[in-house]
Structures are given as structure tokens and as C-alpha cells.
Amino acid sequence: MRDYVTMRNVLMLTAAAKGKLCFNDFRGELQDDTRLKEELVRLEGEKLLDADISLDGVFGRGRKCSVSGLTPEGRAFYRLIENDDVWSIVLETLRQANVDISYPLLKEVCEEIVKRYVTSFIPDIGGKG
């Protein structure tokens, strides 16, 4: 099952980075190496990270992790979930659903939550007739 918190943390750290990141740059924030590896590989495969990642084997022998930044799709997706209030709603929704969803559906869910969140701030403007 996808670790959504690790996913967001990887995107957040990558968005804030001033240069290339390696595996150890993510480890300070994210302690579970297995989940971190899975999310890095998944995010690269989903074309959200501009990266060269191969985490099978031993570093130096077929194993590498170089993250240059977010792709345009990655930046657009991160903008959807960067607000902490929105992220709390997204995370609670995903926890309640208890499903591992693919990126295209995850993006749709996040877009719908952002839409509902923002529209909740639109005041009722009643016409007096």
C-alpha cells in the first residue's frame, strides 16, 4: 500500500531543493528506507520526479538515486497538496477509503478535494427579489 505521507514528503523536499538530491537527502525526514525506496521508484515511474533511480542491488553497483527536481506534472500535483489543511483532508479521505489508488485517480481525488475546499469559502450571495 502506498505511503501517502512519504509520497508528499518526497515531493515537498524535492520542490524545496536548490539542486540534485540523492537517497540520503531524503532519509533525514523519512526514516523507513523501504517505504522511501518504493515511493521514489513510484514517483519516478509516474513521471512526477525528474530523476534517475535504480534501487536494486548495492549502491555503486547498479544502484543509484539522483533526483533533479519535479517534472511539470509533479509541480502541478504538488501544488494541489502543498496546503496543510487540504492535505489533512486528502489524507483522512484516503485513510477512510483504505485503498491504494493509482496516480491518475489520486490526482482526480485531490483536485475534487481542493475544489470543494476552495468553494467552501465562497460566501452565499442571495439575491433579494
Protein backbone atom coordinates (compact mmCIF):
# COMPACT_ATOMS: atom_id res chain seq x y z
CA MET A 1 0.00 0.00 0.00
CA ARG A 2 1.28 3.43 -0.89
CA ASP A 3 2.62 5.55 1.96
CA TYR A 4 0.93 8.85 1.16
CA VAL A 5 2.84 10.77 3.86
CA THR A 6 6.18 9.63 2.45
CA MET A 7 4.94 10.47 -1.05
CA ARG A 8 4.12 14.05 -0.03
CA ASN A 9 7.37 14.44 1.91
CA VAL A 10 9.41 13.38 -1.13
CA LEU A 11 7.53 15.88 -3.28
CA MET A 12 7.92 18.62 -0.65
CA LEU A 13 11.66 18.08 -0.20
CA THR A 14 12.19 17.92 -3.96
CA ALA A 15 10.19 21.11 -4.53
CA ALA A 16 12.28 22.97 -1.95
CA ALA A 17 15.67 21.67 -3.14
CA LYS A 18 18.16 24.01 -4.76
CA GLY A 19 20.00 21.24 -6.60
CA LYS A 20 20.13 17.50 -7.13
CA LEU A 21 19.13 15.20 -4.29
CA CYS A 22 20.40 11.72 -3.51
CA PHE A 23 18.82 8.99 -1.41
CA ASN A 24 20.42 10.19 1.83
CA ASP A 25 18.98 13.69 1.36
CA PHE A 26 15.52 12.21 1.91
CA ARG A 27 16.48 9.98 4.85
CA GLY A 28 16.60 12.75 7.47
CA GLU A 29 12.88 13.37 7.13
CA LEU A 30 11.85 9.87 6.13
CA GLN A 31 13.14 7.11 8.35
CA ASP A 32 11.67 4.00 6.72
CA ASP A 33 14.11 3.16 3.90
CA THR A 34 11.84 0.54 2.34
CA ARG A 35 8.90 2.92 2.01
CA LEU A 36 11.19 5.69 0.82
CA LYS A 37 12.64 3.45 -1.90
CA GLU A 38 9.16 2.38 -3.00
CA GLU A 39 7.90 5.96 -3.22
CA LEU A 40 10.96 7.25 -5.07
CA VAL A 41 10.63 4.50 -7.67
CA ARG A 42 6.87 5.00 -7.91
CA LEU A 43 7.10 8.79 -8.25
CA GLU A 44 9.72 8.48 -10.98
CA GLY A 45 7.58 5.90 -12.78
CA GLU A 46 4.54 8.18 -12.55
CA LYS A 47 6.62 10.94 -14.16
CA LEU A 48 6.36 13.24 -11.14
CA LEU A 49 10.11 13.29 -10.44
CA ASP A 50 12.87 14.24 -12.84
CA ALA A 51 15.14 11.50 -11.60
CA ASP A 52 17.44 8.61 -12.37
CA ILE A 53 16.57 5.93 -9.86
CA SER A 54 17.52 2.29 -9.72
CA LEU A 55 17.44 0.93 -6.20
CA ASP A 56 18.01 -2.76 -6.82
CA GLY A 57 21.39 -4.06 -5.73
CA VAL A 58 24.11 -2.24 -3.82
CA PHE A 59 24.97 1.44 -4.25
CA GLY A 60 27.85 1.71 -6.68
CA ARG A 61 26.79 -1.49 -8.46
CA GLY A 62 23.55 -0.99 -10.34
CA ARG A 63 22.01 1.12 -7.61
CA LYS A 64 21.58 4.87 -7.93
CA CYS A 65 19.30 7.69 -6.88
CA SER A 66 19.61 11.14 -8.37
CA VAL A 67 16.61 13.47 -8.21
CA SER A 68 16.94 16.70 -10.21
CA GLY A 69 13.53 18.12 -9.39
CA LEU A 70 9.83 17.84 -10.03
CA THR A 71 8.52 17.42 -13.54
CA PRO A 72 5.85 19.89 -14.71
CA GLU A 73 3.23 17.24 -13.79
CA GLY A 74 4.94 16.78 -10.41
CA ARG A 75 4.88 20.52 -9.71
CA ALA A 76 1.20 20.73 -10.68
CA PHE A 77 0.34 17.80 -8.43
CA TYR A 78 2.39 19.12 -5.52
CA ARG A 79 0.58 22.47 -5.76
CA LEU A 80 -2.67 20.56 -5.18
CA ILE A 81 -1.44 19.02 -1.90
CA GLU A 82 1.04 21.56 -0.53
CA ASN A 83 -1.52 23.34 1.68
CA ASP A 84 -1.53 21.60 5.09
CA ASP A 85 -5.30 21.98 5.57
CA VAL A 86 -6.05 20.48 2.17
CA TRP A 87 -3.50 17.73 2.77
CA SER A 88 -5.18 16.80 6.07
CA ILE A 89 -8.50 16.36 4.25
CA VAL A 90 -6.85 14.36 1.45
CA LEU A 91 -5.04 12.12 3.92
CA GLU A 92 -8.13 11.48 6.03
CA THR A 93 -10.15 10.69 2.91
CA LEU A 94 -7.52 8.19 1.74
CA ARG A 95 -7.25 6.61 5.20
CA GLN A 96 -11.02 6.15 5.42
CA ALA A 97 -11.17 4.65 1.92
CA ASN A 98 -8.28 2.30 2.82
CA VAL A 99 -7.33 1.72 -0.79
CA ASP A 100 -4.12 2.00 -2.75
CA ILE A 101 -5.04 4.11 -5.77
CA SER A 102 -3.12 4.82 -8.94
CA TYR A 103 -1.72 8.27 -9.57
CA PRO A 104 -4.34 9.34 -12.15
CA LEU A 105 -7.15 8.61 -9.67
CA LEU A 106 -5.19 10.14 -6.78
CA LYS A 107 -4.84 13.34 -8.80
CA GLU A 108 -8.60 13.39 -9.51
CA VAL A 109 -9.39 12.87 -5.82
CA CYS A 110 -7.04 15.68 -4.82
CA GLU A 111 -8.50 18.01 -7.46
CA GLU A 112 -12.02 17.32 -6.19
CA ILE A 113 -10.99 17.91 -2.58
CA VAL A 114 -9.24 21.18 -3.48
CA LYS A 115 -12.30 22.27 -5.46
CA ARG A 116 -14.64 21.54 -2.55
CA TYR A 117 -12.24 23.13 -0.05
CA VAL A 118 -11.95 26.36 -2.03
CA THR A 119 -15.66 26.58 -2.85
CA SER A 120 -16.48 26.18 0.85
CA PHE A 121 -15.09 29.70 1.30
CA ILE A 122 -17.39 31.26 -1.27
CA PRO A 123 -19.97 33.30 0.61
CA ASP A 124 -23.63 32.79 -0.04
CA ILE A 125 -24.79 35.73 -2.12
CA GLY A 126 -28.51 35.78 -2.07
CA GLY A 127 -30.45 37.94 -4.43
CA LYS A 128 -33.23 39.96 -2.84
CA GLY A 129 -36.20 39.85 -5.08
